[in-house]
Protein backbone atom coordinates (compact mmCIF):
# COMPACT_ATOMS: atom_id res chain seq x y z
CA MET A 1 -36.04 -115.75 -94.71
CA ALA A 2 -34.54 -113.85 -96.53
CA GLU A 3 -36.72 -110.68 -96.06
CA ASP A 4 -35.87 -112.03 -92.01
CA ASN A 5 -32.12 -111.24 -92.60
CA THR A 6 -32.60 -108.02 -93.73
CA ALA A 7 -35.03 -106.97 -91.66
CA GLN A 8 -32.42 -107.59 -88.77
CA PRO A 9 -30.00 -105.68 -89.72
CA ALA A 10 -31.93 -102.41 -90.55
CA GLN A 11 -33.39 -103.05 -86.96
CA LYS A 12 -29.75 -103.00 -85.27
CA ALA A 13 -28.40 -99.87 -87.40
CA ASP A 14 -31.74 -98.20 -86.41
CA SER A 15 -31.13 -99.26 -82.51
CA THR A 16 -27.75 -98.22 -82.86
CA GLU A 17 -28.60 -95.29 -84.54
CA ASN A 18 -31.28 -94.77 -81.61
CA THR A 19 -28.54 -95.66 -78.83
CA ASP A 20 -25.88 -93.34 -80.68
CA SER A 21 -28.98 -90.27 -80.45
CA ILE A 22 -29.26 -90.82 -77.52
CA GLU A 23 -25.28 -91.14 -76.01
CA LYS A 24 -25.18 -87.77 -78.22
CA ALA A 25 -28.14 -86.31 -76.35
CA SER A 26 -27.01 -87.68 -72.88
CA ASP A 27 -23.59 -85.93 -73.86
CA THR A 28 -25.16 -82.58 -74.83
CA ASP A 29 -27.42 -82.87 -71.44
CA LYS A 30 -23.72 -83.27 -69.64
CA THR A 31 -22.44 -80.63 -71.47
CA ASP A 32 -25.08 -78.34 -71.62
CA SER A 33 -25.56 -79.17 -67.90
CA ALA A 34 -22.02 -78.82 -66.65
CA PRO A 35 -21.63 -74.82 -68.04
CA LYS A 36 -25.30 -74.68 -65.39
CA ALA A 37 -23.93 -76.33 -62.64
CA GLU A 38 -20.68 -74.41 -62.53
CA ALA A 39 -23.02 -71.20 -63.02
CA ALA A 40 -24.85 -72.22 -60.19
CA GLU A 41 -22.42 -72.93 -58.11
CA LYS A 42 -20.64 -69.49 -58.72
CA THR A 43 -24.05 -67.87 -57.81
CA ASP A 44 -24.47 -69.76 -54.87
CA SER A 45 -20.63 -68.89 -54.07
CA THR A 46 -21.41 -65.47 -54.69
CA GLU A 47 -24.32 -65.05 -52.45
CA LYS A 48 -22.65 -66.84 -50.20
CA ALA A 49 -19.54 -64.68 -50.03
CA ALA A 50 -21.73 -61.32 -50.55
CA SER A 51 -24.00 -62.88 -47.39
CA ALA A 52 -20.91 -63.55 -45.21
CA GLU A 53 -19.47 -60.58 -46.22
CA LYS A 54 -22.52 -58.66 -45.43
CA THR A 55 -23.07 -60.81 -42.23
CA ASP A 56 -19.11 -60.13 -41.15
CA GLY A 57 -19.54 -56.17 -42.30
CA ALA A 58 -22.52 -55.17 -39.96
CA PRO A 59 -20.28 -55.64 -37.16
CA LYS A 60 -17.46 -53.78 -38.29
CA ALA A 61 -19.77 -50.60 -39.67
CA GLU A 62 -21.09 -50.70 -35.83
CA THR A 63 -17.83 -51.13 -34.82
CA ALA A 64 -17.14 -48.13 -37.01
CA LYS A 65 -20.02 -45.94 -36.16
CA LYS A 66 -19.00 -46.78 -32.30
CA ASP A 67 -15.25 -45.61 -33.20
CA ASP A 68 -16.98 -42.46 -34.43
CA ASN A 69 -19.33 -41.68 -31.79
CA VAL A 70 -16.04 -42.04 -29.28
CA GLU A 71 -14.49 -40.09 -31.43
CA LYS A 72 -17.39 -37.29 -31.61
CA ALA A 73 -17.91 -37.50 -27.76
CA ASP A 74 -14.30 -37.08 -27.09
CA SER A 75 -13.93 -34.17 -29.36
CA THR A 76 -16.54 -32.49 -27.51
CA GLU A 77 -15.46 -33.29 -24.51
CA LYS A 78 -11.90 -31.75 -25.23
CA ALA A 79 -14.12 -28.84 -26.58
CA GLU A 80 -15.84 -28.43 -23.49
CA THR A 81 -12.67 -29.19 -21.35
CA ALA A 82 -10.66 -26.60 -23.54
CA GLU A 83 -13.70 -24.17 -23.33
CA LYS A 84 -13.70 -24.14 -19.51
CA ASP A 85 -10.65 -24.02 -19.18
CA ASP A 86 -10.61 -20.64 -21.24
CA SER A 87 -13.22 -19.57 -19.18
CA ALA A 88 -11.23 -19.92 -16.43
CA GLU A 89 -8.12 -18.14 -16.87
CA LYS A 90 -10.28 -16.12 -18.42
CA ALA A 91 -11.96 -15.68 -14.81
CA ALA A 92 -8.56 -15.85 -13.36
CA ALA A 93 -7.25 -12.94 -15.11
CA ALA A 94 -10.02 -10.96 -14.59
CA LYS A 95 -9.82 -11.95 -11.15
CA LYS A 96 -6.02 -11.23 -10.62
CA ALA A 97 -7.21 -7.38 -12.57
CA ALA A 98 -9.69 -6.55 -10.52
CA ALA A 99 -7.42 -6.83 -7.28
CA ALA A 100 -4.70 -5.39 -8.53
CA LYS A 101 -7.15 -2.28 -9.73
CA LYS A 102 -8.51 -2.38 -6.35
CA ALA A 103 -4.96 -2.53 -4.43
CA GLU A 104 -4.49 0.53 -6.91
CA ALA A 105 -7.31 2.37 -5.62
CA ALA A 106 -7.05 1.38 -2.38
CA LYS A 107 -3.06 2.53 -2.41
CA LYS A 108 -3.62 6.18 -3.85
CA ALA A 109 -6.83 6.50 -1.64
CA ALA A 110 -4.17 5.73 1.15
CA ALA A 111 -1.86 8.13 -0.34
CA ALA A 112 -4.64 10.88 -0.29
CA LYS A 113 -5.93 10.05 3.02
CA LYS A 114 -1.85 10.73 4.17
CA ALA A 115 -1.40 13.80 1.98
CA ASP A 116 -4.70 15.29 3.23
CA SER A 117 -4.22 14.09 7.09
CA LYS A 118 -0.58 16.08 6.33
CA THR A 119 -2.52 19.07 5.01
CA ASP A 120 -4.45 19.02 7.80
CA SER A 121 -1.89 18.10 10.45
CA ASP A 122 0.20 21.13 8.62
CA ALA A 123 -3.14 23.14 9.02
CA LYS A 124 -3.73 23.07 12.34
CA ALA A 125 -0.01 23.43 13.25
CA LYS A 126 -0.01 26.61 11.46
CA LYS A 127 -3.02 27.14 13.20
CA LYS A 128 -2.16 26.48 16.79
CA LYS A 129 1.87 27.59 16.11
CA LYS A 130 1.91 30.55 18.49
CA PRO A 131 5.17 32.69 18.54
CA PRO A 132 7.19 31.52 22.09
CA LYS A 133 6.52 33.99 25.14
CA ILE A 134 9.21 36.09 25.35
CA GLU A 135 9.57 35.26 29.11
CA ASP A 136 10.54 31.37 28.01
CA LYS A 137 13.34 32.49 26.07
CA PRO A 138 16.81 31.63 27.18
CA PHE A 139 18.11 33.62 30.24
CA GLY A 140 20.33 36.25 28.96
CA GLU A 141 18.26 36.75 25.30
CA PHE A 142 14.93 37.89 27.73
CA ILE A 143 17.15 40.42 30.11
CA GLU A 144 18.80 41.35 27.11
CA GLU A 145 16.35 41.96 24.19
CA HIS A 146 13.45 42.64 26.59
CA PHE A 147 13.75 43.21 29.95
CA VAL A 148 16.86 45.72 30.09
CA PRO A 149 14.58 48.27 26.85
CA ALA A 150 11.63 47.58 29.10
CA LEU A 151 12.75 49.06 32.34
CA ASP A 152 14.63 51.74 30.86
CA GLU A 153 11.93 53.43 29.11
CA ALA A 154 9.53 52.85 32.65
CA LEU A 155 12.27 54.01 34.23
CA LYS A 156 12.45 57.57 32.02
CA SER A 157 8.72 57.62 31.99
CA ASP A 158 9.20 57.97 35.76
CA GLY A 159 11.77 61.06 35.80
CA TRP A 160 14.69 58.29 35.84
CA GLU A 161 16.71 59.37 33.23
CA GLY A 162 20.28 58.39 32.26
CA VAL A 163 20.58 55.58 34.42
CA THR A 164 22.85 52.94 33.25
CA LEU A 165 21.33 49.42 33.14
CA SER A 166 23.84 46.25 32.68
CA LEU A 167 24.08 42.56 32.98
CA VAL A 168 26.34 40.97 34.89
CA ASP A 169 28.02 37.96 36.71
CA GLU A 170 29.81 38.55 39.55
CA PRO A 171 29.76 38.45 43.29
CA LEU A 172 27.28 40.72 45.31
CA LEU A 173 28.81 43.84 46.55
CA VAL A 174 27.22 43.04 49.94
CA LYS A 175 29.08 43.58 53.12
CA GLY A 176 30.12 40.32 54.24
CA ALA A 177 28.61 38.23 51.14
CA ASP A 178 31.39 35.30 49.79
CA ASP A 179 33.27 37.26 47.09
CA GLN A 180 34.38 33.98 45.56
CA GLU A 181 30.63 33.69 45.12
CA SER A 182 29.25 35.21 41.78
CA TYR A 183 25.12 35.15 40.40
CA TRP A 184 24.02 36.81 37.81
CA GLN A 185 22.72 40.53 38.27
CA LEU A 186 20.94 43.79 36.63
CA HIS A 187 22.91 46.76 38.00
CA GLY A 188 21.14 50.31 37.34
CA ASP A 189 23.70 53.07 38.11
CA HIS A 190 22.58 57.08 37.84
CA PRO A 191 25.74 58.60 38.48
CA SER A 192 24.08 62.14 38.47
CA ASN A 193 21.66 61.24 40.75
CA LEU A 194 24.13 61.21 44.10
CA ASP A 195 25.29 57.60 42.64
CA HIS A 196 22.20 55.49 43.41
CA ARG A 197 22.60 51.99 42.52
CA PHE A 198 20.26 48.94 42.76
CA SER A 199 20.56 45.57 41.69
CA ILE A 200 17.98 42.65 40.87
CA VAL A 201 19.70 39.14 42.02
CA PHE A 202 18.78 36.04 40.00
CA GLY A 203 19.74 33.31 42.35
CA GLU A 204 19.48 30.73 39.04
CA GLU A 205 19.64 31.25 35.23
CA ASP A 206 16.14 31.31 34.91
CA ILE A 207 13.81 34.70 35.35
CA LYS A 208 11.14 32.37 36.94
CA GLY A 209 14.10 31.29 40.10
CA PRO A 210 14.87 33.00 43.27
CA LYS A 211 15.27 36.61 43.06
CA TYR A 212 16.80 39.53 45.71
CA PHE A 213 17.14 42.74 45.63
CA TYR A 214 20.09 45.07 46.65
CA TYR A 215 21.05 49.05 46.41
CA SER A 216 23.73 51.19 47.78
CA GLN A 217 24.48 54.70 47.29
CA GLY A 218 28.25 56.12 46.13
CA ASP A 219 31.41 53.98 47.57
CA ARG A 220 29.81 52.39 49.99
CA LEU A 221 28.35 48.63 49.73
CA ALA A 222 24.82 47.62 50.15
CA SER A 223 24.09 46.37 53.73
CA THR A 224 21.11 43.90 53.13
CA VAL A 225 19.52 41.95 50.95
CA GLU A 226 16.02 41.60 49.95
CA GLN A 227 13.75 38.71 48.59
CA PHE A 228 11.94 40.19 45.25
CA MET A 229 8.71 39.09 43.85
CA GLY A 230 9.06 36.17 46.34
CA ASP A 231 5.26 35.87 46.53
CA GLU A 232 4.92 36.16 42.78
CA ARG A 233 4.04 32.70 40.88
CA ARG A 234 3.01 34.48 37.92
CA ILE A 235 6.45 35.54 36.49
CA SER A 236 6.10 38.36 32.83
CA LEU A 237 7.99 40.80 31.68
CA GLU A 238 5.54 43.78 32.78
CA LEU A 239 5.40 42.00 36.25
CA MET A 240 9.05 42.23 36.73
CA VAL A 241 8.72 45.82 35.22
CA LEU A 242 6.34 46.80 37.90
CA TYR A 243 8.10 45.02 40.86
CA THR A 244 11.18 47.37 40.31
CA LEU A 245 9.34 50.65 40.16
CA GLN A 246 7.58 50.12 43.16
CA ARG A 247 10.78 49.16 44.96
CA LEU A 248 12.43 52.12 43.87
CA LYS A 249 9.64 54.26 44.54
CA GLY A 250 9.61 52.80 48.06
CA GLN A 251 13.38 54.79 48.28
CA LYS A 252 11.76 57.87 47.18
CA TRP A 253 14.58 57.06 44.17
CA LEU A 254 11.89 58.30 41.22
CA THR A 255 11.76 62.27 41.30
CA ARG A 256 7.86 61.05 40.52
CA ASN A 257 6.59 59.70 43.92
């Protein structure tokens, strides 16, 4: 009996010791398991966060990539537009310069043509320009400067020297003529030859107009007035001199008849 009681406390002590060991082991396991669980939880959270970040980052990266592509496309488009605008401006400037050059060339060509035309016209005018006929000169100028000298020379050649030729505007020295009506007349007086006088009358202040002839001797008035060069359509200095000489020769007033 005594052995049995001693043995029971020993078994209790062993049992208590075993229980205590199990609890310590359990506490140790719990202590060891807590950090492991916490670590596992952290790892799992990190993986989830990384996965979530990875999952969330993919659209952002895609969006950023798209934005970058859009920016690049926009930049390219702007560059192309700028290049086109620059090309258009250059083309417009070149076109404007070409038009200005063409206009200047046309202006110079027109000026040259005008100058050539003027030179040509001047040359033609000089070439065609002839001195006016003496018969086209004013009446008084023609008579005084051309007819009188030519007739005087012709009369001298026919032996009728000393004749005084004068152009006057006065009434006709003819019987029955109106002394209030005057005409331009060329008188030819030869005092030393029986006071012969002849007169060429101009009905107009124009050598191409009607003309008449009368003559007298001494102090007597002429009795008749005759037509002079009436049938002659062409009036010239030479013909006027010739007709005058013929008329005087008809009167036998010229010595060389």
